[in-house]
Protein backbone atom coordinates (compact mmCIF):
# COMPACT_ATOMS: atom_id res chain seq x y z
CA MET A 1 0.00 0.00 0.00
CA SER A 2 1.34 3.45 -0.89
CA GLU A 3 1.84 6.09 1.77
CA LYS A 4 -0.76 8.31 0.07
CA LEU A 5 -3.40 5.59 0.21
CA ARG A 6 -2.49 4.80 3.80
CA GLU A 7 -2.97 8.47 4.72
CA LEU A 8 -6.30 8.60 2.89
CA MET A 9 -7.66 5.55 4.66
CA ALA A 10 -6.40 6.80 8.02
CA SER A 11 -8.12 10.17 7.49
CA ILE A 12 -11.41 8.37 6.78
CA HIS A 13 -11.18 5.86 9.60
CA ALA A 14 -10.38 8.63 12.07
CA TYR A 15 -14.18 8.96 12.06
CA PRO A 16 -16.00 6.02 13.68
CA ASP A 17 -18.01 3.54 11.62
CA VAL A 18 -17.40 5.07 8.20
CA THR A 19 -17.67 2.86 5.12
CA LEU A 20 -15.29 3.62 2.26
CA VAL A 21 -16.75 2.78 -1.15
CA ALA A 22 -13.96 2.75 -3.72
CA VAL A 23 -15.59 3.89 -6.97
CA SER A 24 -14.00 1.60 -9.50
CA LYS A 25 -15.82 2.67 -12.66
CA ALA A 26 -12.60 3.84 -14.35
CA VAL A 27 -10.38 0.86 -13.50
CA GLY A 28 -10.13 -2.81 -14.31
CA PRO A 29 -10.27 -5.91 -12.12
CA GLU A 30 -6.52 -5.90 -11.44
CA LYS A 31 -6.66 -2.58 -9.60
CA ILE A 32 -9.85 -3.62 -7.81
CA GLU A 33 -8.07 -6.71 -6.51
CA ARG A 34 -5.08 -4.61 -5.41
CA ALA A 35 -7.39 -2.26 -3.53
CA TYR A 36 -9.12 -5.23 -1.95
CA HIS A 37 -5.81 -6.56 -0.66
CA CYS A 38 -5.18 -3.12 0.86
CA GLY A 39 -8.24 -3.68 3.05
CA ILE A 40 -11.03 -2.09 0.99
CA ARG A 41 -14.16 -4.24 0.83
CA HIS A 42 -16.80 -2.00 -0.78
CA PHE A 43 -16.61 -0.99 -4.46
CA GLY A 44 -18.90 1.20 -6.54
CA GLU A 45 -19.86 1.03 -10.21
CA ASN A 46 -22.15 3.27 -12.26
CA ARG A 47 -22.79 1.16 -15.37
CA VAL A 48 -24.66 -2.13 -15.10
CA GLN A 49 -22.83 -4.02 -17.86
CA ASP A 50 -19.39 -2.95 -16.64
CA ALA A 51 -20.29 -3.91 -13.09
CA LEU A 52 -21.52 -7.38 -14.04
CA LEU A 53 -18.35 -8.03 -16.04
CA LYS A 54 -16.09 -6.99 -13.17
CA MET A 55 -18.10 -9.08 -10.72
CA ALA A 56 -17.45 -12.12 -12.91
CA GLN A 57 -13.75 -11.31 -13.20
CA CYS A 58 -13.08 -10.57 -9.51
CA ASN A 59 -13.36 -13.78 -7.54
CA LEU A 60 -13.48 -11.98 -4.19
CA PRO A 61 -16.19 -11.46 -1.54
CA ILE A 62 -16.72 -7.82 -2.49
CA ALA A 63 -19.70 -5.72 -1.41
CA TRP A 64 -20.70 -4.02 -4.67
CA HIS A 65 -22.55 -0.70 -4.77
CA PHE A 66 -24.40 0.77 -7.73
CA VAL A 67 -23.74 4.51 -7.66
CA GLY A 68 -25.12 5.56 -11.05
CA ARG A 69 -28.55 6.25 -12.46
CA LEU A 70 -30.46 2.97 -12.66
CA GLN A 71 -32.87 2.55 -15.56
CA THR A 72 -36.03 0.58 -14.90
CA ASN A 73 -35.23 -1.90 -17.68
CA LYS A 74 -32.01 -2.86 -15.87
CA VAL A 75 -33.62 -3.66 -12.51
CA ARG A 76 -33.86 -7.42 -13.12
CA LYS A 77 -30.15 -7.58 -14.00
CA VAL A 78 -29.04 -5.99 -10.72
CA LEU A 79 -31.65 -7.44 -8.40
CA ASP A 80 -29.41 -9.63 -6.24
CA LYS A 81 -26.01 -8.28 -7.28
CA PHE A 82 -25.54 -5.12 -5.21
CA PHE A 83 -25.16 -4.49 -1.51
CA LEU A 84 -26.75 -1.06 -2.05
CA ILE A 85 -28.17 0.95 -4.92
CA HIS A 86 -27.51 4.62 -4.19
CA SER A 87 -29.92 6.32 -6.58
CA LEU A 88 -33.58 5.79 -5.72
CA CYS A 89 -35.48 9.01 -6.35
CA GLY A 90 -38.61 8.22 -8.34
CA LYS A 91 -41.80 6.22 -8.08
CA GLN A 92 -41.33 4.49 -11.43
CA LEU A 93 -38.04 2.90 -10.38
CA ALA A 94 -39.40 2.04 -6.93
CA GLU A 95 -42.48 0.36 -8.40
CA GLU A 96 -40.49 -1.64 -10.94
CA ALA A 97 -37.97 -2.75 -8.30
CA SER A 98 -40.83 -3.81 -6.05
CA ARG A 99 -42.53 -5.75 -8.84
CA VAL A 100 -39.37 -7.61 -9.87
CA ALA A 101 -38.28 -8.24 -6.29
CA GLN A 102 -41.66 -9.75 -5.41
CA ALA A 103 -41.56 -12.00 -8.47
CA GLU A 104 -38.09 -13.24 -7.53
CA GLY A 105 -38.65 -13.44 -3.78
CA GLN A 106 -35.93 -10.87 -3.15
CA VAL A 107 -35.49 -7.61 -1.26
CA VAL A 108 -33.57 -4.74 -2.92
CA SER A 109 -31.68 -2.29 -0.70
CA PHE A 110 -31.62 1.36 -1.73
CA LEU A 111 -30.45 4.74 -0.61
CA VAL A 112 -32.76 7.61 -1.48
CA GLN A 113 -30.94 10.28 -3.47
CA VAL A 114 -31.39 13.85 -2.29
CA ASP A 115 -30.56 16.88 -4.44
CA SER A 116 -29.67 19.65 -2.02
CA SER A 117 -27.80 21.73 -4.62
CA GLU A 118 -30.72 22.35 -7.03
CA GLU A 119 -28.42 21.86 -10.01
CA ALA A 120 -30.10 20.89 -13.26
CA THR A 121 -27.46 18.25 -14.01
CA LYS A 122 -28.18 16.29 -10.83
CA GLN A 123 -31.02 13.90 -10.19
CA GLY A 124 -32.59 13.45 -6.79
CA LEU A 125 -35.47 14.55 -4.64
CA SER A 126 -35.59 17.98 -3.07
CA PRO A 127 -35.39 17.82 0.74
CA ASP A 128 -39.12 18.67 0.95
CA GLU A 129 -40.02 15.69 -1.25
CA VAL A 130 -38.13 13.07 0.75
CA TRP A 131 -40.59 12.39 3.59
CA PRO A 132 -43.66 11.89 1.33
CA PHE A 133 -41.55 9.66 -0.91
CA MET A 134 -40.38 7.61 2.07
CA GLN A 135 -43.98 7.12 3.16
CA TYR A 136 -44.88 5.92 -0.33
CA VAL A 137 -41.91 3.56 -0.68
CA SER A 138 -42.43 2.06 2.77
CA GLY A 139 -45.64 0.50 1.45
CA LEU A 140 -43.93 -1.27 -1.45
CA PRO A 141 -42.95 -4.91 -0.81
CA GLY A 142 -39.46 -5.98 -1.79
CA ILE A 143 -37.93 -2.55 -1.16
CA SER A 144 -35.65 -1.74 1.77
CA VAL A 145 -34.50 1.85 2.23
CA GLN A 146 -31.23 2.01 4.16
CA GLY A 147 -30.58 5.75 4.24
CA LEU A 148 -29.80 8.77 2.08
CA MET A 149 -27.28 9.73 -0.59
CA THR A 150 -26.33 13.12 -1.97
CA ILE A 151 -23.75 14.61 -4.31
CA GLY A 152 -22.15 17.86 -3.23
CA PRO A 153 -22.63 21.02 -5.32
CA ASN A 154 -20.32 21.62 -8.26
CA THR A 155 -18.30 24.44 -6.74
CA THR A 156 -15.02 25.11 -4.98
CA ASP A 157 -16.82 27.11 -2.28
CA LYS A 158 -16.24 24.95 0.80
CA ALA A 159 -18.81 26.83 2.84
CA LEU A 160 -21.49 26.12 0.24
CA ILE A 161 -20.51 22.45 -0.02
CA SER A 162 -20.60 22.07 3.77
CA LYS A 163 -23.98 23.77 3.93
CA GLY A 164 -25.46 21.24 1.52
CA PHE A 165 -23.99 18.31 3.42
CA ARG A 166 -25.25 19.64 6.75
CA GLN A 167 -28.73 20.07 5.29
CA VAL A 168 -28.88 16.43 4.24
CA ARG A 169 -27.45 15.30 7.58
CA ALA A 170 -30.21 17.26 9.37
CA LEU A 171 -32.78 15.56 7.14
CA TYR A 172 -31.25 12.17 7.91
CA ASP A 173 -31.47 12.87 11.66
CA GLU A 174 -35.06 14.06 11.34
CA LEU A 175 -36.12 10.96 9.40
CA SER A 176 -34.51 8.78 12.07
CA LYS A 177 -37.11 10.05 14.55
CA TYR A 178 -40.07 8.74 12.54
CA PRO A 179 -39.63 5.06 11.73
CA LEU A 180 -41.49 3.55 8.81
CA PRO A 181 -41.80 -0.08 7.70
CA ALA A 182 -38.77 -1.16 5.62
CA VAL A 183 -37.09 2.23 6.11
CA GLU A 184 -33.98 2.62 8.24
CA MET A 185 -31.59 5.53 8.47
CA ARG A 186 -28.45 3.40 8.54
CA TYR A 187 -26.21 4.95 5.89
CA LEU A 188 -25.60 8.56 4.97
CA SER A 189 -23.61 8.46 1.72
CA MET A 190 -21.98 11.85 1.14
CA GLY A 191 -18.58 12.87 -0.13
CA MET A 192 -16.31 12.05 -3.06
CA SER A 193 -12.61 12.56 -3.78
CA ALA A 194 -12.79 16.36 -3.82
CA ASP A 195 -15.05 16.91 -0.82
CA TYR A 196 -15.06 13.80 1.38
CA GLN A 197 -13.39 15.61 4.29
CA LEU A 198 -16.19 18.19 4.35
CA ALA A 199 -18.75 15.38 4.18
CA LEU A 200 -17.18 13.52 7.08
CA ALA A 201 -17.12 16.69 9.14
CA ALA A 202 -20.84 17.11 8.40
CA GLY A 203 -21.63 13.58 9.61
CA SER A 204 -21.36 11.30 6.59
CA ASN A 205 -20.81 7.62 7.43
CA MET A 206 -20.23 6.46 3.85
CA VAL A 207 -17.94 8.10 1.28
CA ARG A 208 -17.62 7.29 -2.42
CA ILE A 209 -14.04 7.83 -3.54
CA GLY A 210 -12.50 6.86 -6.86
CA THR A 211 -9.57 8.98 -8.03
CA ALA A 212 -8.07 9.49 -4.59
CA VAL A 213 -7.98 5.72 -4.04
CA PHE A 214 -6.92 4.30 -7.39
CA ALA A 215 -4.39 6.99 -8.25
CA HIS A 216 -2.28 5.85 -5.32
CA LEU A 217 -2.34 2.07 -5.61
């Protein structure tokens, strides 16, 4: 393990109970295996076909995460393949996942994606839409909501990035007070290579880091 990667992992694990998801979309199975042998167990992909190929090539007990936009016609392909799908933010996807999961006798675990930045390029629910959506999803069999995910705003303004992360953390804490069937605030997935330190300071317990991991293997 390189010193840079050692420092990165130490900075993350200085916070208790944080899960590092190494986003491996830009690398092949060889680097994934090297990262695994450095102690990383969770890996994230954003394209279904690429993910399925890497799963077949990496003969390791990896916890795979889907961190991209999931199309409804791909639900059956990913049903039992991912530890978490980070991008639930619409009724159509929730209904299709519920239908397929019921037919297969499975339960699909999701994070609900929140858009706190109001940027047109980002998908996700506004903070005000999250609670009604949670109530709706909690009534769908075969769906398990495990927490929230957000992507920080596209800016170098650290104060603005932190504000967005704190807003989602406050929402996460608020939702924790009102339990619903099949909904649990277990994971708060915030922070990527450029802003993970701000996310951790705001209370994230899951970070999605690609470049900062694989550039230093």
